[in-house]
Amino acid sequence: MDTIARVQDIADARGLTMFQLTQVCSIPYSTIKKAADRNSHLSVDTIEKICIGLNMPMSAFFENSERYRT
């Protein structure tokens, strides 16, 4: 799974820019930017922070469900 693309999908669905998403989730924007620039994946810790910040279960991050996107 492309975790950067998934985060972008979630941000888009919620009407957030990536910068806004990082602010809501209390993670540095550079964390997302560096992973995208290196074509790498986000760590489980970062994904967990995103899920907590967006009030969604971590399992929803890894599924293609629309239920938790809005």
PDB file of N, CA and C in Angstrom:
ATOM      1  N   MET A   1       0.840  -1.176   0.000  1.00  0.00           N
ATOM      2  CA  MET A   1       0.000   0.000   0.000  1.00  0.00           C
ATOM      3  C   MET A   1       0.884   1.237   0.000  1.00  0.00           C
ATOM      4  N   ASP A   2       0.518   2.185  -0.822  1.00  0.00           N
ATOM      5  CA  ASP A   2       1.205   3.472  -0.866  1.00  0.00           C
ATOM      6  C   ASP A   2       0.612   4.354   0.229  1.00  0.00           C
ATOM      7  N   THR A   3       1.313   4.432   1.365  1.00  0.00           N
ATOM      8  CA  THR A   3       0.766   5.150   2.509  1.00  0.00           C
ATOM      9  C   THR A   3       0.644   6.650   2.260  1.00  0.00           C
ATOM     10  N   ILE A   4       1.531   7.206   1.469  1.00  0.00           N
ATOM     11  CA  ILE A   4       1.446   8.631   1.150  1.00  0.00           C
ATOM     12  C   ILE A   4       0.193   8.908   0.325  1.00  0.00           C
ATOM     13  N   ALA A   5      -0.061   8.072  -0.672  1.00  0.00           N
ATOM     14  CA  ALA A   5      -1.264   8.241  -1.497  1.00  0.00           C
ATOM     15  C   ALA A   5      -2.519   8.070  -0.651  1.00  0.00           C
ATOM     16  N   ARG A   6      -2.487   7.140   0.280  1.00  0.00           N
ATOM     17  CA  ARG A   6      -3.653   6.918   1.154  1.00  0.00           C
ATOM     18  C   ARG A   6      -3.905   8.141   2.024  1.00  0.00           C
ATOM     19  N   VAL A   7      -2.865   8.716   2.573  1.00  0.00           N
ATOM     20  CA  VAL A   7      -3.020   9.926   3.381  1.00  0.00           C
ATOM     21  C   VAL A   7      -3.575  11.056   2.517  1.00  0.00           C
ATOM     22  N   GLN A   8      -3.083  11.180   1.298  1.00  0.00           N
ATOM     23  CA  GLN A   8      -3.588  12.211   0.394  1.00  0.00           C
ATOM     24  C   GLN A   8      -5.067  11.990   0.086  1.00  0.00           C
ATOM     25  N   ASP A   9      -5.466  10.750  -0.131  1.00  0.00           N
ATOM     26  CA  ASP A   9      -6.878  10.436  -0.375  1.00  0.00           C
ATOM     27  C   ASP A   9      -7.748  10.835   0.807  1.00  0.00           C
ATOM     28  N   ILE A  10      -7.285  10.509   1.994  1.00  0.00           N
ATOM     29  CA  ILE A  10      -8.040  10.836   3.205  1.00  0.00           C
ATOM     30  C   ILE A  10      -8.125  12.349   3.380  1.00  0.00           C
ATOM     31  N   ALA A  11      -7.003  13.034   3.179  1.00  0.00           N
ATOM     32  CA  ALA A  11      -6.998  14.496   3.287  1.00  0.00           C
ATOM     33  C   ALA A  11      -7.959  15.114   2.277  1.00  0.00           C
ATOM     34  N   ASP A  12      -7.907  14.649   1.041  1.00  0.00           N
ATOM     35  CA  ASP A  12      -8.795  15.166  -0.005  1.00  0.00           C
ATOM     36  C   ASP A  12     -10.255  14.947   0.356  1.00  0.00           C
ATOM     37  N   ALA A  13     -10.568  13.757   0.842  1.00  0.00           N
ATOM     38  CA  ALA A  13     -11.945  13.431   1.203  1.00  0.00           C
ATOM     39  C   ALA A  13     -12.466  14.316   2.326  1.00  0.00           C
ATOM     40  N   ARG A  14     -11.561  14.786   3.164  1.00  0.00           N
ATOM     41  CA  ARG A  14     -11.956  15.645   4.286  1.00  0.00           C
ATOM     42  C   ARG A  14     -11.787  17.131   3.978  1.00  0.00           C
ATOM     43  N   GLY A  15     -11.371  17.428   2.775  1.00  0.00           N
ATOM     44  CA  GLY A  15     -11.208  18.821   2.383  1.00  0.00           C
ATOM     45  C   GLY A  15     -10.018  19.500   3.039  1.00  0.00           C
ATOM     46  N   LEU A  16      -8.983  18.725   3.311  1.00  0.00           N
ATOM     47  CA  LEU A  16      -7.781  19.253   3.959  1.00  0.00           C
ATOM     48  C   LEU A  16      -6.598  19.201   3.003  1.00  0.00           C
ATOM     49  N   THR A  17      -5.734  20.172   3.114  1.00  0.00           N
ATOM     50  CA  THR A  17      -4.446  20.073   2.439  1.00  0.00           C
ATOM     51  C   THR A  17      -3.569  19.158   3.287  1.00  0.00           C
ATOM     52  N   MET A  18      -2.475  18.711   2.723  1.00  0.00           N
ATOM     53  CA  MET A  18      -1.561  17.877   3.513  1.00  0.00           C
ATOM     54  C   MET A  18      -1.024  18.662   4.704  1.00  0.00           C
ATOM     55  N   PHE A  19      -0.757  19.951   4.508  1.00  0.00           N
ATOM     56  CA  PHE A  19      -0.264  20.766   5.615  1.00  0.00           C
ATOM     57  C   PHE A  19      -1.309  20.854   6.728  1.00  0.00           C
ATOM     58  N   GLN A  20      -2.563  21.082   6.361  1.00  0.00           N
ATOM     59  CA  GLN A  20      -3.627  21.152   7.363  1.00  0.00           C
ATOM     60  C   GLN A  20      -3.772  19.823   8.104  1.00  0.00           C
ATOM     61  N   LEU A  21      -3.681  18.728   7.353  1.00  0.00           N
ATOM     62  CA  LEU A  21      -3.784  17.417   7.980  1.00  0.00           C
ATOM     63  C   LEU A  21      -2.681  17.228   9.017  1.00  0.00           C
ATOM     64  N   THR A  22      -1.459  17.629   8.678  1.00  0.00           N
ATOM     65  CA  THR A  22      -0.362  17.464   9.634  1.00  0.00           C
ATOM     66  C   THR A  22      -0.579  18.320  10.875  1.00  0.00           C
ATOM     67  N   GLN A  23      -1.171  19.481  10.720  1.00  0.00           N
ATOM     68  CA  GLN A  23      -1.469  20.320  11.880  1.00  0.00           C
ATOM     69  C   GLN A  23      -2.522  19.680  12.775  1.00  0.00           C
ATOM     70  N   VAL A  24      -3.581  19.166  12.162  1.00  0.00           N
ATOM     71  CA  VAL A  24      -4.652  18.515  12.916  1.00  0.00           C
ATOM     72  C   VAL A  24      -4.122  17.300  13.666  1.00  0.00           C
ATOM     73  N   CYS A  25      -3.198  16.599  13.051  1.00  0.00           N
ATOM     74  CA  CYS A  25      -2.680  15.349  13.614  1.00  0.00           C
ATOM     75  C   CYS A  25      -1.416  15.522  14.454  1.00  0.00           C
ATOM     76  N   SER A  26      -0.962  16.749  14.596  1.00  0.00           N
ATOM     77  CA  SER A  26       0.225  17.048  15.404  1.00  0.00           C
ATOM     78  C   SER A  26       1.463  16.273  14.958  1.00  0.00           C
ATOM     79  N   ILE A  27       1.666  16.242  13.645  1.00  0.00           N
ATOM     80  CA  ILE A  27       2.892  15.660  13.125  1.00  0.00           C
ATOM     81  C   ILE A  27       3.575  16.702  12.244  1.00  0.00           C
ATOM     82  N   PRO A  28       4.887  16.671  12.171  1.00  0.00           N
ATOM     83  CA  PRO A  28       5.585  17.645  11.335  1.00  0.00           C
ATOM     84  C   PRO A  28       5.275  17.417   9.854  1.00  0.00           C
ATOM     85  N   TYR A  29       5.048  18.482   9.132  1.00  0.00           N
ATOM     86  CA  TYR A  29       4.817  18.394   7.694  1.00  0.00           C
ATOM     87  C   TYR A  29       6.003  17.723   7.019  1.00  0.00           C
ATOM     88  N   SER A  30       7.192  17.976   7.536  1.00  0.00           N
ATOM     89  CA  SER A  30       8.396  17.396   6.934  1.00  0.00           C
ATOM     90  C   SER A  30       8.375  15.869   6.953  1.00  0.00           C
ATOM     91  N   THR A  31       7.674  15.272   7.895  1.00  0.00           N
ATOM     92  CA  THR A  31       7.570  13.814   7.949  1.00  0.00           C
ATOM     93  C   THR A  31       6.892  13.289   6.690  1.00  0.00           C
ATOM     94  N   ILE A  32       5.794  13.921   6.310  1.00  0.00           N
ATOM     95  CA  ILE A  32       5.062  13.521   5.109  1.00  0.00           C
ATOM     96  C   ILE A  32       5.879  13.863   3.862  1.00  0.00           C
ATOM     97  N   LYS A  33       6.437  15.064   3.846  1.00  0.00           N
ATOM     98  CA  LYS A  33       7.185  15.550   2.683  1.00  0.00           C
ATOM     99  C   LYS A  33       8.399  14.667   2.390  1.00  0.00           C
ATOM    100  N   LYS A  34       9.147  14.332   3.431  1.00  0.00           N
ATOM    101  CA  LYS A  34      10.344  13.501   3.242  1.00  0.00           C
ATOM    102  C   LYS A  34       9.982  12.117   2.727  1.00  0.00           C
ATOM    103  N   ALA A  35       8.926  11.530   3.281  1.00  0.00           N
ATOM    104  CA  ALA A  35       8.506  10.207   2.817  1.00  0.00           C
ATOM    105  C   ALA A  35       8.063  10.265   1.358  1.00  0.00           C
ATOM    106  N   ALA A  36       7.351  11.307   0.985  1.00  0.00           N
ATOM    107  CA  ALA A  36       6.902  11.459  -0.406  1.00  0.00           C
ATOM    108  C   ALA A  36       8.094  11.669  -1.333  1.00  0.00           C
ATOM    109  N   ASP A  37       9.030  12.500  -0.931  1.00  0.00           N
ATOM    110  CA  ASP A  37      10.210  12.778  -1.759  1.00  0.00           C
ATOM    111  C   ASP A  37      11.071  11.540  -1.968  1.00  0.00           C
ATOM    112  N   ARG A  38      11.099  10.673  -0.986  1.00  0.00           N
ATOM    113  CA  ARG A  38      11.938   9.471  -1.055  1.00  0.00           C
ATOM    114  C   ARG A  38      11.182   8.255  -1.597  1.00  0.00           C
ATOM    115  N   ASN A  39       9.918   8.457  -1.945  1.00  0.00           N
ATOM    116  CA  ASN A  39       9.071   7.340  -2.379  1.00  0.00           C
ATOM    117  C   ASN A  39       9.059   6.218  -1.361  1.00  0.00           C
ATOM    118  N   SER A  40       9.033   6.593  -0.089  1.00  0.00           N
ATOM    119  CA  SER A  40       9.006   5.588   0.969  1.00  0.00           C
ATOM    120  C   SER A  40       7.634   5.605   1.639  1.00  0.00           C
ATOM    121  N   HIS A  41       7.513   4.812   2.668  1.00  0.00           N
ATOM    122  CA  HIS A  41       6.245   4.689   3.378  1.00  0.00           C
ATOM    123  C   HIS A  41       6.321   5.387   4.724  1.00  0.00           C
ATOM    124  N   LEU A  42       5.154   5.700   5.250  1.00  0.00           N
ATOM    125  CA  LEU A  42       5.075   6.284   6.581  1.00  0.00           C
ATOM    126  C   LEU A  42       5.230   5.184   7.624  1.00  0.00           C
ATOM    127  N   SER A  43       5.768   5.539   8.762  1.00  0.00           N
ATOM    128  CA  SER A  43       5.921   4.571   9.842  1.00  0.00           C
ATOM    129  C   SER A  43       4.552   4.288  10.469  1.00  0.00           C
ATOM    130  N   VAL A  44       4.468   3.183  11.174  1.00  0.00           N
ATOM    131  CA  VAL A  44       3.237   2.828  11.874  1.00  0.00           C
ATOM    132  C   VAL A  44       2.910   3.904  12.907  1.00  0.00           C
ATOM    133  N   ASP A  45       3.926   4.448  13.573  1.00  0.00           N
ATOM    134  CA  ASP A  45       3.706   5.509  14.559  1.00  0.00           C
ATOM    135  C   ASP A  45       3.059   6.731  13.915  1.00  0.00           C
ATOM    136  N   THR A  46       3.515   7.112  12.740  1.00  0.00           N
ATOM    137  CA  THR A  46       2.954   8.270  12.049  1.00  0.00           C
ATOM    138  C   THR A  46       1.525   7.979  11.604  1.00  0.00           C
ATOM    139  N   ILE A  47       1.281   6.802  11.091  1.00  0.00           N
ATOM    140  CA  ILE A  47      -0.079   6.429  10.683  1.00  0.00           C
ATOM    141  C   ILE A  47      -1.007   6.436  11.893  1.00  0.00           C
ATOM    142  N   GLU A  48      -0.513   5.951  13.009  1.00  0.00           N
ATOM    143  CA  GLU A  48      -1.316   5.954  14.237  1.00  0.00           C
ATOM    144  C   GLU A  48      -1.667   7.383  14.656  1.00  0.00           C
ATOM    145  N   LYS A  49      -0.717   8.297  14.588  1.00  0.00           N
ATOM    146  CA  LYS A  49      -0.979   9.695  14.938  1.00  0.00           C
ATOM    147  C   LYS A  49      -2.020  10.312  14.002  1.00  0.00           C
ATOM    148  N   ILE A  50      -1.932   9.970  12.723  1.00  0.00           N
ATOM    149  CA  ILE A  50      -2.911  10.474  11.755  1.00  0.00           C
ATOM    150  C   ILE A  50      -4.303   9.951  12.112  1.00  0.00           C
ATOM    151  N   CYS A  51      -4.394   8.678  12.410  1.00  0.00           N
ATOM    152  CA  CYS A  51      -5.687   8.092  12.761  1.00  0.00           C
ATOM    153  C   CYS A  51      -6.266   8.702  14.032  1.00  0.00           C
ATOM    154  N   ILE A  52      -5.427   8.906  15.013  1.00  0.00           N
ATOM    155  CA  ILE A  52      -5.887   9.534  16.266  1.00  0.00           C
ATOM    156  C   ILE A  52      -6.349  10.957  15.985  1.00  0.00           C
ATOM    157  N   GLY A  53      -5.557  11.702  15.240  1.00  0.00           N
ATOM    158  CA  GLY A  53      -5.905  13.090  14.937  1.00  0.00           C
ATOM    159  C   GLY A  53      -7.187  13.226  14.143  1.00  0.00           C
ATOM    160  N   LEU A  54      -7.492  12.230  13.309  1.00  0.00           N
ATOM    161  CA  LEU A  54      -8.697  12.274  12.478  1.00  0.00           C
ATOM    162  C   LEU A  54      -9.840  11.447  13.066  1.00  0.00           C
ATOM    163  N   ASN A  55      -9.609  10.915  14.259  1.00  0.00           N
ATOM    164  CA  ASN A  55     -10.628  10.148  14.965  1.00  0.00           C
ATOM    165  C   ASN A  55     -11.162   8.999  14.108  1.00  0.00           C
ATOM    166  N   MET A  56     -10.239   8.218  13.587  1.00  0.00           N
ATOM    167  CA  MET A  56     -10.628   7.064  12.789  1.00  0.00           C
ATOM    168  C   MET A  56      -9.838   5.850  13.253  1.00  0.00           C
ATOM    169  N   PRO A  57     -10.441   4.674  13.229  1.00  0.00           N
ATOM    170  CA  PRO A  57      -9.693   3.492  13.633  1.00  0.00           C
ATOM    171  C   PRO A  57      -8.558   3.208  12.643  1.00  0.00           C
ATOM    172  N   MET A  58      -7.497   2.671  13.150  1.00  0.00           N
ATOM    173  CA  MET A  58      -6.351   2.382  12.301  1.00  0.00           C
ATOM    174  C   MET A  58      -6.721   1.398  11.193  1.00  0.00           C
ATOM    175  N   SER A  59      -7.616   0.503  11.464  1.00  0.00           N
ATOM    176  CA  SER A  59      -8.043  -0.455  10.445  1.00  0.00           C
ATOM    177  C   SER A  59      -8.664   0.255   9.245  1.00  0.00           C
ATOM    178  N   ALA A  60      -9.320   1.391   9.475  1.00  0.00           N
ATOM    179  CA  ALA A  60      -9.936   2.151   8.384  1.00  0.00           C
ATOM    180  C   ALA A  60      -8.879   2.730   7.453  1.00  0.00           C
ATOM    181  N   PHE A  61      -7.713   3.016   7.978  1.00  0.00           N
ATOM    182  CA  PHE A  61      -6.635   3.530   7.145  1.00  0.00           C
ATOM    183  C   PHE A  61      -6.248   2.513   6.086  1.00  0.00           C
ATOM    184  N   PHE A  62      -6.296   1.237   6.465  1.00  0.00           N
ATOM    185  CA  PHE A  62      -5.833   0.185   5.575  1.00  0.00           C
ATOM    186  C   PHE A  62      -6.935  -0.449   4.733  1.00  0.00           C
ATOM    187  N   GLU A  63      -8.149   0.051   4.855  1.00  0.00           N
ATOM    188  CA  GLU A  63      -9.219  -0.456   4.005  1.00  0.00           C
ATOM    189  C   GLU A  63      -9.642   0.610   3.014  1.00  0.00           C
ATOM    190  N   ASN A  64     -10.352   0.223   2.005  1.00  0.00           N
ATOM    191  CA  ASN A  64     -10.797   1.157   0.979  1.00  0.00           C
ATOM    192  C   ASN A  64     -12.214   1.626   1.228  1.00  0.00           C
ATOM    193  N   SER A  65     -12.598   1.685   2.473  1.00  0.00           N
ATOM    194  CA  SER A  65     -13.957   2.061   2.827  1.00  0.00           C
ATOM    195  C   SER A  65     -14.141   3.569   2.824  1.00  0.00           C
ATOM    196  N   GLU A  66     -15.312   4.002   2.434  1.00  0.00           N
ATOM    197  CA  GLU A  66     -15.668   5.424   2.467  1.00  0.00           C
ATOM    198  C   GLU A  66     -16.202   5.816   3.842  1.00  0.00           C
ATOM    199  N   ARG A  67     -16.482   4.855   4.713  1.00  0.00           N
ATOM    200  CA  ARG A  67     -17.152   5.133   5.979  1.00  0.00           C
ATOM    201  C   ARG A  67     -16.437   6.161   6.843  1.00  0.00           C
ATOM    202  N   TYR A  68     -15.132   6.158   6.858  1.00  0.00           N
ATOM    203  CA  TYR A  68     -14.384   7.006   7.790  1.00  0.00           C
ATOM    204  C   TYR A  68     -13.741   8.196   7.123  1.00  0.00           C
ATOM    205  N   ARG A  69     -14.097   8.491   5.908  1.00  0.00           N
ATOM    206  CA  ARG A  69     -13.445   9.568   5.166  1.00  0.00           C
ATOM    207  C   ARG A  69     -14.038  10.936   5.425  1.00  0.00           C
ATOM    208  N   THR A  70     -15.254  11.011   5.903  1.00  0.00           N
ATOM    209  CA  THR A  70     -15.863  12.329   6.111  1.00  0.00           C
ATOM    210  C   THR A  70     -16.019  12.632   7.568  1.00  0.00           C
TER     211      THR A  70
END
